[in-house]
N, C-alpha and C. Protein backbone atom coordinates (compact mmCIF):
# COMPACT_ATOMS: atom_id res chain seq x y z
N UNK A 1 21.54 -16.23 22.84
CA UNK A 1 22.47 -15.81 21.81
C UNK A 1 23.80 -16.50 22.02
N UNK A 2 24.55 -16.70 20.93
CA UNK A 2 25.85 -17.33 21.00
C UNK A 2 26.87 -16.46 21.71
N UNK A 3 28.04 -17.00 21.94
CA UNK A 3 29.07 -16.32 22.69
C UNK A 3 29.51 -14.98 22.12
N UNK A 4 29.64 -14.85 20.82
CA UNK A 4 30.12 -13.62 20.22
C UNK A 4 29.01 -12.77 19.62
N UNK A 5 27.78 -13.15 19.81
CA UNK A 5 26.66 -12.41 19.23
C UNK A 5 26.55 -11.04 19.90
N UNK A 6 26.32 -10.02 19.08
CA UNK A 6 26.18 -8.66 19.59
C UNK A 6 24.71 -8.37 19.81
N UNK A 7 24.39 -7.82 20.96
CA UNK A 7 23.00 -7.47 21.27
C UNK A 7 22.68 -6.11 20.67
N UNK A 8 21.60 -6.05 19.94
CA UNK A 8 21.13 -4.80 19.36
C UNK A 8 19.95 -4.34 20.20
N UNK A 9 19.99 -3.08 20.68
CA UNK A 9 18.87 -2.58 21.49
C UNK A 9 17.55 -2.68 20.73
N UNK A 10 16.47 -2.92 21.47
CA UNK A 10 15.15 -3.08 20.84
C UNK A 10 14.65 -1.79 20.20
N UNK A 11 15.22 -0.65 20.56
CA UNK A 11 14.77 0.60 19.94
C UNK A 11 15.67 1.00 18.77
N UNK A 12 16.42 0.05 18.24
CA UNK A 12 17.27 0.28 17.08
C UNK A 12 16.45 0.06 15.81
N UNK A 13 16.65 0.94 14.85
CA UNK A 13 15.89 0.88 13.61
C UNK A 13 16.83 1.04 12.42
N UNK A 14 16.72 0.15 11.46
CA UNK A 14 17.41 0.28 10.19
C UNK A 14 16.35 0.40 9.11
N UNK A 15 16.43 1.45 8.33
CA UNK A 15 15.56 1.61 7.16
C UNK A 15 16.48 1.57 5.96
N UNK A 16 16.22 0.66 5.03
CA UNK A 16 17.04 0.50 3.84
C UNK A 16 16.20 0.88 2.64
N UNK A 17 16.71 1.85 1.87
CA UNK A 17 15.97 2.36 0.71
C UNK A 17 16.83 2.21 -0.54
N UNK A 18 16.40 1.38 -1.49
CA UNK A 18 17.12 1.31 -2.76
C UNK A 18 16.80 2.54 -3.60
N UNK A 19 17.77 3.00 -4.37
CA UNK A 19 17.56 4.19 -5.20
C UNK A 19 18.22 3.99 -6.56
N UNK A 20 17.47 4.26 -7.60
CA UNK A 20 18.00 4.23 -8.97
C UNK A 20 17.46 5.46 -9.70
N UNK A 21 18.34 6.34 -10.09
CA UNK A 21 17.96 7.58 -10.79
C UNK A 21 16.88 8.35 -10.04
N UNK A 22 17.15 8.62 -8.77
CA UNK A 22 16.20 9.32 -7.91
C UNK A 22 16.67 10.72 -7.52
N UNK A 23 17.44 11.37 -8.38
CA UNK A 23 18.00 12.68 -8.04
C UNK A 23 16.92 13.70 -7.70
N UNK A 24 15.76 13.58 -8.30
CA UNK A 24 14.67 14.53 -8.02
C UNK A 24 14.00 14.27 -6.67
N UNK A 25 14.18 13.08 -6.11
CA UNK A 25 13.46 12.70 -4.90
C UNK A 25 14.34 12.37 -3.70
N UNK A 26 15.62 12.10 -3.91
CA UNK A 26 16.43 11.52 -2.84
C UNK A 26 16.61 12.45 -1.64
N UNK A 27 16.80 13.73 -1.88
CA UNK A 27 16.99 14.66 -0.76
C UNK A 27 15.73 14.72 0.10
N UNK A 28 14.57 14.82 -0.52
CA UNK A 28 13.30 14.85 0.23
C UNK A 28 13.09 13.54 0.98
N UNK A 29 13.42 12.43 0.35
CA UNK A 29 13.29 11.12 1.01
C UNK A 29 14.15 11.06 2.26
N UNK A 30 15.38 11.51 2.14
CA UNK A 30 16.30 11.52 3.28
C UNK A 30 15.76 12.43 4.38
N UNK A 31 15.30 13.61 4.01
CA UNK A 31 14.79 14.57 5.00
C UNK A 31 13.54 14.06 5.70
N UNK A 32 12.73 13.24 5.01
CA UNK A 32 11.52 12.69 5.62
C UNK A 32 11.83 11.50 6.54
N UNK A 33 12.79 10.67 6.19
CA UNK A 33 13.06 9.46 6.95
C UNK A 33 14.09 9.62 8.05
N UNK A 34 15.01 10.58 7.93
CA UNK A 34 16.02 10.77 8.99
C UNK A 34 15.39 11.06 10.36
N UNK A 35 14.36 11.90 10.45
CA UNK A 35 13.75 12.12 11.77
C UNK A 35 13.16 10.84 12.39
N UNK A 36 12.66 9.95 11.57
CA UNK A 36 12.13 8.68 12.07
C UNK A 36 13.26 7.85 12.67
N UNK A 37 14.38 7.79 11.96
CA UNK A 37 15.54 7.04 12.45
C UNK A 37 16.08 7.68 13.73
N UNK A 38 16.15 9.00 13.76
CA UNK A 38 16.64 9.71 14.94
C UNK A 38 15.76 9.44 16.16
N UNK A 39 14.46 9.33 15.95
CA UNK A 39 13.52 9.08 17.04
C UNK A 39 13.73 7.69 17.66
N UNK A 40 14.15 6.76 16.84
CA UNK A 40 14.36 5.37 17.28
C UNK A 40 15.85 5.04 17.26
N UNK A 41 16.66 5.95 17.74
CA UNK A 41 18.11 5.80 17.64
C UNK A 41 18.67 5.08 18.85
N UNK A 42 18.49 3.79 18.90
CA UNK A 42 18.92 2.97 20.03
C UNK A 42 20.38 3.13 20.41
N UNK A 43 20.67 4.18 21.12
CA UNK A 43 22.03 4.41 21.57
C UNK A 43 23.01 4.67 20.44
N UNK A 44 22.54 5.24 19.36
CA UNK A 44 23.41 5.56 18.23
C UNK A 44 23.54 4.46 17.21
N UNK A 45 22.76 3.39 17.36
CA UNK A 45 22.90 2.24 16.47
C UNK A 45 21.97 2.27 15.26
N UNK A 46 20.96 3.13 15.26
CA UNK A 46 20.01 3.16 14.14
C UNK A 46 20.64 3.80 12.91
N UNK A 47 20.13 3.44 11.73
CA UNK A 47 20.65 3.97 10.48
C UNK A 47 19.55 4.06 9.42
N UNK A 48 19.68 5.08 8.59
CA UNK A 48 18.96 5.15 7.32
C UNK A 48 20.00 4.80 6.27
N UNK A 49 19.76 3.74 5.53
CA UNK A 49 20.72 3.25 4.55
C UNK A 49 20.13 3.45 3.16
N UNK A 50 20.83 4.22 2.35
CA UNK A 50 20.45 4.40 0.94
C UNK A 50 21.39 3.55 0.11
N UNK A 51 20.83 2.70 -0.72
CA UNK A 51 21.64 1.89 -1.64
C UNK A 51 21.45 2.45 -3.04
N UNK A 52 22.47 3.11 -3.53
CA UNK A 52 22.44 3.67 -4.87
C UNK A 52 22.80 2.56 -5.85
N UNK A 53 21.82 2.10 -6.60
CA UNK A 53 21.97 0.95 -7.48
C UNK A 53 22.36 1.37 -8.90
N UNK A 54 23.56 1.97 -9.02
CA UNK A 54 24.09 2.31 -10.35
C UNK A 54 23.38 3.45 -11.05
N UNK A 55 22.86 4.39 -10.31
CA UNK A 55 22.15 5.52 -10.92
C UNK A 55 23.04 6.23 -11.93
N UNK A 56 22.42 6.70 -13.00
CA UNK A 56 23.12 7.44 -14.05
C UNK A 56 22.97 8.95 -13.87
N UNK A 57 22.19 9.36 -12.87
CA UNK A 57 21.98 10.78 -12.62
C UNK A 57 22.79 11.18 -11.38
N UNK A 58 22.39 12.21 -10.68
CA UNK A 58 23.13 12.72 -9.52
C UNK A 58 22.67 12.15 -8.18
N UNK A 59 21.97 11.03 -8.19
CA UNK A 59 21.47 10.44 -6.95
C UNK A 59 22.59 10.24 -5.94
N UNK A 60 23.68 9.62 -6.36
CA UNK A 60 24.79 9.34 -5.44
C UNK A 60 25.38 10.62 -4.88
N UNK A 61 25.63 11.60 -5.72
CA UNK A 61 26.25 12.85 -5.28
C UNK A 61 25.36 13.59 -4.28
N UNK A 62 24.06 13.62 -4.52
CA UNK A 62 23.12 14.30 -3.62
C UNK A 62 23.07 13.56 -2.29
N UNK A 63 22.93 12.25 -2.33
CA UNK A 63 22.86 11.46 -1.09
C UNK A 63 24.18 11.57 -0.32
N UNK A 64 25.28 11.57 -1.02
CA UNK A 64 26.59 11.68 -0.38
C UNK A 64 26.73 13.02 0.35
N UNK A 65 26.26 14.09 -0.27
CA UNK A 65 26.31 15.41 0.37
C UNK A 65 25.43 15.44 1.62
N UNK A 66 24.31 14.73 1.61
CA UNK A 66 23.42 14.69 2.76
C UNK A 66 24.04 13.96 3.95
N UNK A 67 25.00 13.09 3.70
CA UNK A 67 25.68 12.37 4.79
C UNK A 67 26.40 13.34 5.72
N UNK A 68 26.81 14.48 5.20
CA UNK A 68 27.53 15.46 6.03
C UNK A 68 26.66 16.05 7.13
N UNK A 69 25.36 16.18 6.88
CA UNK A 69 24.46 16.79 7.86
C UNK A 69 23.54 15.78 8.54
N UNK A 70 23.61 14.53 8.14
CA UNK A 70 22.78 13.48 8.73
C UNK A 70 23.70 12.33 9.18
N UNK A 71 24.17 12.37 10.42
CA UNK A 71 25.14 11.37 10.88
C UNK A 71 24.62 9.93 10.92
N UNK A 72 23.32 9.74 10.92
CA UNK A 72 22.76 8.38 10.93
C UNK A 72 22.48 7.86 9.53
N UNK A 73 22.88 8.61 8.52
CA UNK A 73 22.68 8.22 7.12
C UNK A 73 23.91 7.48 6.64
N UNK A 74 23.68 6.30 6.07
CA UNK A 74 24.76 5.52 5.45
C UNK A 74 24.43 5.36 3.98
N UNK A 75 25.46 5.36 3.15
CA UNK A 75 25.27 5.28 1.71
C UNK A 75 26.10 4.12 1.17
N UNK A 76 25.45 3.27 0.41
CA UNK A 76 26.13 2.18 -0.29
C UNK A 76 25.99 2.47 -1.77
N UNK A 77 27.11 2.42 -2.47
CA UNK A 77 27.11 2.74 -3.91
C UNK A 77 27.47 1.50 -4.71
N UNK A 78 26.59 1.12 -5.60
CA UNK A 78 26.85 0.03 -6.55
C UNK A 78 27.04 0.71 -7.89
N UNK A 79 28.21 0.56 -8.50
CA UNK A 79 28.54 1.36 -9.69
C UNK A 79 27.76 0.96 -10.93
N UNK A 80 27.39 -0.28 -11.06
CA UNK A 80 26.59 -0.72 -12.21
C UNK A 80 25.22 -1.17 -11.74
N UNK A 81 24.16 -0.79 -12.45
CA UNK A 81 22.81 -1.18 -12.02
C UNK A 81 22.67 -2.70 -11.96
N UNK A 82 22.07 -3.17 -10.88
CA UNK A 82 21.86 -4.62 -10.74
C UNK A 82 20.39 -4.98 -10.90
N UNK A 83 19.53 -4.07 -10.58
CA UNK A 83 18.08 -4.27 -10.57
C UNK A 83 17.67 -5.35 -9.59
N UNK A 84 18.63 -5.85 -8.80
CA UNK A 84 18.31 -6.86 -7.79
C UNK A 84 17.49 -6.24 -6.67
N UNK A 85 17.59 -4.93 -6.50
CA UNK A 85 16.89 -4.26 -5.42
C UNK A 85 15.52 -3.76 -5.84
N UNK A 86 15.18 -3.93 -7.10
CA UNK A 86 13.90 -3.43 -7.59
C UNK A 86 12.77 -4.31 -7.13
N UNK A 87 11.66 -3.66 -6.85
CA UNK A 87 10.45 -4.39 -6.47
C UNK A 87 9.44 -4.20 -7.60
N UNK A 88 8.96 -5.30 -8.13
CA UNK A 88 8.01 -5.22 -9.25
C UNK A 88 6.59 -5.26 -8.74
């Protein structure tokens, strides 16, 4: 690794989940995946990342509230839908 490269422990896990209008599912998704991230929490470096891709429902608000009780949960909010995160 280069001089300034940061070493990430091998037991570090990042799970990135795109979400668009998932208010009916987002809380359950977070509750199911947070224990997996916690199990592989390489010294506090693991994260469950929810990317809210411009949802028009309460997806962002629900996920944001879950951040209070799930310290390894990170939320990225994109205000306008991009559909770049969609998988066809």
